[in-house]
Amino acid sequence: MILDIILSDHKAGRDLFALAGNSVFEGYAERADLFERFDRLWTAHADMMDEAVFPVLAEVTHRAEPLEQMRQGQDELRGMIAGLAARAADKSNENDHWFADFHRLKPLFERQVDREDTLIASMIQQDLKPEQIARMTETAEGMRERRVV
């Protein structure tokens, strides 16, 4: 079900975030692999939300403002994660405030995940018919099959 996919992404994102934040390595370049994986995960998640979840919710719930706010939050979060992944992978960077940006990312990530856990989950459970949930799930699973996270 689509909620299982969404919640699984949230858990995986939190796990990768925790691993990067609690790494025994002092430099952020050592975290490059973790953030590359985080970037791939969250890009796949954001694409899924954009293509499978938001369109169905928009046509059914008519709650355009909260959905647009979540979409904007998703875009901001995706950009920050991608930027941190690119900077961590750039071995020529010695100290460009990566850790400060990493710590600014945490509350943005948690806010987005919390909004999806509450608002999106309640919309799916309360406002959608089983066939609409099935359509979302099929679209999301098809996207995941085409893109390995």
C-alpha atoms as a PDB file:
ATOM      1  CA  MET A   1       0.000   0.000   0.000  1.00  0.00           C
ATOM      2  CA  ILE A   2       1.150   3.542  -0.688  1.00  0.00           C
ATOM      3  CA  LEU A   3       1.331   4.427   3.007  1.00  0.00           C
ATOM      4  CA  ASP A   4       3.762   1.564   3.577  1.00  0.00           C
ATOM      5  CA  ILE A   5       6.008   2.924   0.824  1.00  0.00           C
ATOM      6  CA  ILE A   6       5.857   6.469   2.208  1.00  0.00           C
ATOM      7  CA  LEU A   7       6.574   5.345   5.775  1.00  0.00           C
ATOM      8  CA  SER A   8       9.364   3.050   4.605  1.00  0.00           C
ATOM      9  CA  ASP A   9      11.014   6.004   2.830  1.00  0.00           C
ATOM     10  CA  HIS A  10      10.712   8.082   6.001  1.00  0.00           C
ATOM     11  CA  LYS A  11      12.378   5.371   8.083  1.00  0.00           C
ATOM     12  CA  ALA A  12      15.151   4.855   5.537  1.00  0.00           C
ATOM     13  CA  GLY A  13      15.729   8.626   5.363  1.00  0.00           C
ATOM     14  CA  ARG A  14      15.903   8.914   9.142  1.00  0.00           C
ATOM     15  CA  ASP A  15      18.301   5.965   9.302  1.00  0.00           C
ATOM     16  CA  LEU A  16      20.634   7.448   6.675  1.00  0.00           C
ATOM     17  CA  PHE A  17      20.444  10.848   8.357  1.00  0.00           C
ATOM     18  CA  ALA A  18      21.362   9.289  11.708  1.00  0.00           C
ATOM     19  CA  LEU A  19      24.244   7.318  10.205  1.00  0.00           C
ATOM     20  CA  ALA A  20      25.689  10.437   8.595  1.00  0.00           C
ATOM     21  CA  GLY A  21      25.234  12.493  11.748  1.00  0.00           C
ATOM     22  CA  ASN A  22      26.716   9.879  14.047  1.00  0.00           C
ATOM     23  CA  SER A  23      29.590   8.838  11.831  1.00  0.00           C
ATOM     24  CA  VAL A  24      32.907   8.227  13.537  1.00  0.00           C
ATOM     25  CA  PHE A  25      34.601  10.070  10.691  1.00  0.00           C
ATOM     26  CA  GLU A  26      35.585  13.643  11.377  1.00  0.00           C
ATOM     27  CA  GLY A  27      35.431  14.890   7.802  1.00  0.00           C
ATOM     28  CA  TYR A  28      32.264  15.107   5.797  1.00  0.00           C
ATOM     29  CA  ALA A  29      33.832  13.595   2.688  1.00  0.00           C
ATOM     30  CA  GLU A  30      33.692  10.232   4.476  1.00  0.00           C
ATOM     31  CA  ARG A  31      29.924  10.664   4.586  1.00  0.00           C
ATOM     32  CA  ALA A  32      29.688  11.074   0.821  1.00  0.00           C
ATOM     33  CA  ASP A  33      28.383   7.556   0.181  1.00  0.00           C
ATOM     34  CA  LEU A  34      25.690   7.928   2.824  1.00  0.00           C
ATOM     35  CA  PHE A  35      24.541  11.233   1.423  1.00  0.00           C
ATOM     36  CA  GLU A  36      24.612   9.928  -2.136  1.00  0.00           C
ATOM     37  CA  ARG A  37      22.252   7.153  -0.999  1.00  0.00           C
ATOM     38  CA  PHE A  38      20.126   9.690   0.903  1.00  0.00           C
ATOM     39  CA  ASP A  39      19.956  11.863  -2.212  1.00  0.00           C
ATOM     40  CA  ARG A  40      18.851   8.920  -4.398  1.00  0.00           C
ATOM     41  CA  LEU A  41      16.261   7.842  -1.826  1.00  0.00           C
ATOM     42  CA  TRP A  42      14.789  11.291  -1.381  1.00  0.00           C
ATOM     43  CA  THR A  43      14.768  12.068  -5.095  1.00  0.00           C
ATOM     44  CA  ALA A  44      12.817   8.842  -5.677  1.00  0.00           C
ATOM     45  CA  HIS A  45      10.504   9.713  -2.785  1.00  0.00           C
ATOM     46  CA  ALA A  46       9.875  13.251  -4.004  1.00  0.00           C
ATOM     47  CA  ASP A  47       9.272  12.048  -7.569  1.00  0.00           C
ATOM     48  CA  MET A  48       6.804   9.474  -6.260  1.00  0.00           C
ATOM     49  CA  MET A  49       4.981  12.108  -4.227  1.00  0.00           C
ATOM     50  CA  ASP A  50       4.866  14.458  -7.240  1.00  0.00           C
ATOM     51  CA  GLU A  51       3.678  11.849  -9.724  1.00  0.00           C
ATOM     52  CA  ALA A  52       1.654   9.342  -7.699  1.00  0.00           C
ATOM     53  CA  VAL A  53       0.406  10.983  -4.504  1.00  0.00           C
ATOM     54  CA  PHE A  54      -0.107  14.725  -4.887  1.00  0.00           C
ATOM     55  CA  PRO A  55      -2.087  14.551  -8.162  1.00  0.00           C
ATOM     56  CA  VAL A  56      -4.639  12.084  -6.768  1.00  0.00           C
ATOM     57  CA  LEU A  57      -4.968  13.963  -3.494  1.00  0.00           C
ATOM     58  CA  ALA A  58      -5.367  17.262  -5.337  1.00  0.00           C
ATOM     59  CA  GLU A  59      -8.211  15.969  -7.484  1.00  0.00           C
ATOM     60  CA  VAL A  60     -10.028  14.321  -4.569  1.00  0.00           C
ATOM     61  CA  THR A  61      -9.433  16.404  -1.457  1.00  0.00           C
ATOM     62  CA  HIS A  62      -9.435  19.901  -2.955  1.00  0.00           C
ATOM     63  CA  ARG A  63      -6.938  20.960  -0.300  1.00  0.00           C
ATOM     64  CA  ALA A  64      -4.649  22.785  -2.660  1.00  0.00           C
ATOM     65  CA  GLU A  65      -2.909  25.042  -0.142  1.00  0.00           C
ATOM     66  CA  PRO A  66      -1.545  22.374   2.244  1.00  0.00           C
ATOM     67  CA  LEU A  67      -0.599  20.146  -0.679  1.00  0.00           C
ATOM     68  CA  GLU A  68       1.262  22.995  -2.377  1.00  0.00           C
ATOM     69  CA  GLN A  69       3.074  23.805   0.881  1.00  0.00           C
ATOM     70  CA  MET A  70       4.153  20.173   1.141  1.00  0.00           C
ATOM     71  CA  ARG A  71       5.270  20.140  -2.474  1.00  0.00           C
ATOM     72  CA  GLN A  72       7.343  23.286  -1.884  1.00  0.00           C
ATOM     73  CA  GLY A  73       8.813  21.772   1.291  1.00  0.00           C
ATOM     74  CA  GLN A  74       9.647  18.641  -0.666  1.00  0.00           C
ATOM     75  CA  ASP A  75      11.411  20.682  -3.372  1.00  0.00           C
ATOM     76  CA  GLU A  76      13.418  22.631  -0.783  1.00  0.00           C
ATOM     77  CA  LEU A  77      14.376  19.455   1.038  1.00  0.00           C
ATOM     78  CA  ARG A  78      15.336  17.667  -2.174  1.00  0.00           C
ATOM     79  CA  GLY A  79      17.573  20.598  -3.156  1.00  0.00           C
ATOM     80  CA  MET A  80      19.309  20.736   0.211  1.00  0.00           C
ATOM     81  CA  ILE A  81      19.960  16.989   0.253  1.00  0.00           C
ATOM     82  CA  ALA A  82      21.299  17.062  -3.316  1.00  0.00           C
ATOM     83  CA  GLY A  83      23.523  20.036  -2.487  1.00  0.00           C
ATOM     84  CA  LEU A  84      24.950  18.352   0.597  1.00  0.00           C
ATOM     85  CA  ALA A  85      25.529  15.124  -1.337  1.00  0.00           C
ATOM     86  CA  ALA A  86      27.389  16.985  -4.075  1.00  0.00           C
ATOM     87  CA  ARG A  87      29.502  18.922  -1.588  1.00  0.00           C
ATOM     88  CA  ALA A  88      30.322  15.796   0.420  1.00  0.00           C
ATOM     89  CA  ALA A  89      31.423  14.048  -2.772  1.00  0.00           C
ATOM     90  CA  ASP A  90      33.668  16.965  -3.791  1.00  0.00           C
ATOM     91  CA  LYS A  91      37.007  16.000  -2.277  1.00  0.00           C
ATOM     92  CA  SER A  92      38.435  19.450  -3.017  1.00  0.00           C
ATOM     93  CA  ASN A  93      36.203  21.022  -0.342  1.00  0.00           C
ATOM     94  CA  GLU A  94      38.034  21.247   2.922  1.00  0.00           C
ATOM     95  CA  ASN A  95      35.515  23.144   5.032  1.00  0.00           C
ATOM     96  CA  ASP A  96      32.571  24.863   3.445  1.00  0.00           C
ATOM     97  CA  HIS A  97      30.165  24.802   6.392  1.00  0.00           C
ATOM     98  CA  TRP A  98      28.779  21.413   5.360  1.00  0.00           C
ATOM     99  CA  PHE A  99      28.088  20.431   8.984  1.00  0.00           C
ATOM    100  CA  ALA A 100      26.194  23.641   9.684  1.00  0.00           C
ATOM    101  CA  ASP A 101      23.995  23.000   6.638  1.00  0.00           C
ATOM    102  CA  PHE A 102      23.635  19.342   7.637  1.00  0.00           C
ATOM    103  CA  HIS A 103      22.270  20.434  11.018  1.00  0.00           C
ATOM    104  CA  ARG A 104      19.919  22.954   9.369  1.00  0.00           C
ATOM    105  CA  LEU A 105      18.597  20.126   7.216  1.00  0.00           C
ATOM    106  CA  LYS A 106      17.457  18.010  10.182  1.00  0.00           C
ATOM    107  CA  PRO A 107      14.458  20.149  11.261  1.00  0.00           C
ATOM    108  CA  LEU A 108      13.397  20.643   7.624  1.00  0.00           C
ATOM    109  CA  PHE A 109      13.514  16.907   7.042  1.00  0.00           C
ATOM    110  CA  GLU A 110      11.603  16.143  10.245  1.00  0.00           C
ATOM    111  CA  ARG A 111       8.960  18.787   9.505  1.00  0.00           C
ATOM    112  CA  GLN A 112       8.371  17.383   6.017  1.00  0.00           C
ATOM    113  CA  VAL A 113       8.237  13.795   7.246  1.00  0.00           C
ATOM    114  CA  ASP A 114       5.885  14.735  10.094  1.00  0.00           C
ATOM    115  CA  ARG A 115       3.546  16.533   7.694  1.00  0.00           C
ATOM    116  CA  GLU A 116       3.511  13.537   5.391  1.00  0.00           C
ATOM    117  CA  ASP A 117       3.004  11.166   8.334  1.00  0.00           C
ATOM    118  CA  THR A 118       0.009  13.138   9.557  1.00  0.00           C
ATOM    119  CA  LEU A 119      -1.630  15.138   6.789  1.00  0.00           C
ATOM    120  CA  ILE A 120      -0.915  12.920   3.781  1.00  0.00           C
ATOM    121  CA  ALA A 121      -1.665   9.739   5.718  1.00  0.00           C
ATOM    122  CA  SER A 122      -4.975  11.101   7.008  1.00  0.00           C
ATOM    123  CA  MET A 123      -5.983  12.321   3.536  1.00  0.00           C
ATOM    124  CA  ILE A 124      -5.235   8.911   2.047  1.00  0.00           C
ATOM    125  CA  GLN A 125      -7.063   7.034   4.776  1.00  0.00           C
ATOM    126  CA  GLN A 126     -10.065   9.339   5.074  1.00  0.00           C
ATOM    127  CA  ASP A 127     -10.595  10.876   1.641  1.00  0.00           C
ATOM    128  CA  LEU A 128      -9.660   8.205  -0.880  1.00  0.00           C
ATOM    129  CA  LYS A 129     -11.522   5.191  -2.151  1.00  0.00           C
ATOM    130  CA  PRO A 130      -9.721   1.848  -2.322  1.00  0.00           C
ATOM    131  CA  GLU A 131      -9.354   2.100  -6.109  1.00  0.00           C
ATOM    132  CA  GLN A 132      -7.674   5.511  -5.780  1.00  0.00           C
ATOM    133  CA  ILE A 133      -5.257   4.141  -3.200  1.00  0.00           C
ATOM    134  CA  ALA A 134      -4.592   1.184  -5.492  1.00  0.00           C
ATOM    135  CA  ARG A 135      -3.881   3.571  -8.397  1.00  0.00           C
ATOM    136  CA  MET A 136      -1.398   5.524  -6.255  1.00  0.00           C
ATOM    137  CA  THR A 137       0.252   2.320  -5.102  1.00  0.00           C
ATOM    138  CA  GLU A 138       0.560   0.903  -8.622  1.00  0.00           C
ATOM    139  CA  THR A 139       2.062   4.149  -9.907  1.00  0.00           C
ATOM    140  CA  ALA A 140       4.523   4.306  -6.993  1.00  0.00           C
ATOM    141  CA  GLU A 141       5.559   0.670  -7.344  1.00  0.00           C
ATOM    142  CA  GLY A 142       6.026   1.099 -11.096  1.00  0.00           C
ATOM    143  CA  MET A 143       8.243   4.104 -10.513  1.00  0.00           C
ATOM    144  CA  ARG A 144      10.316   2.164  -7.980  1.00  0.00           C
ATOM    145  CA  GLU A 145      10.758  -0.757 -10.363  1.00  0.00           C
ATOM    146  CA  ARG A 146      12.143   1.599 -12.996  1.00  0.00           C
ATOM    147  CA  ARG A 147      14.441   3.320 -10.507  1.00  0.00           C
ATOM    148  CA  VAL A 148      16.469   1.318  -8.043  1.00  0.00           C
ATOM    149  CA  VAL A 149      16.848   3.240  -4.768  1.00  0.00           C
END
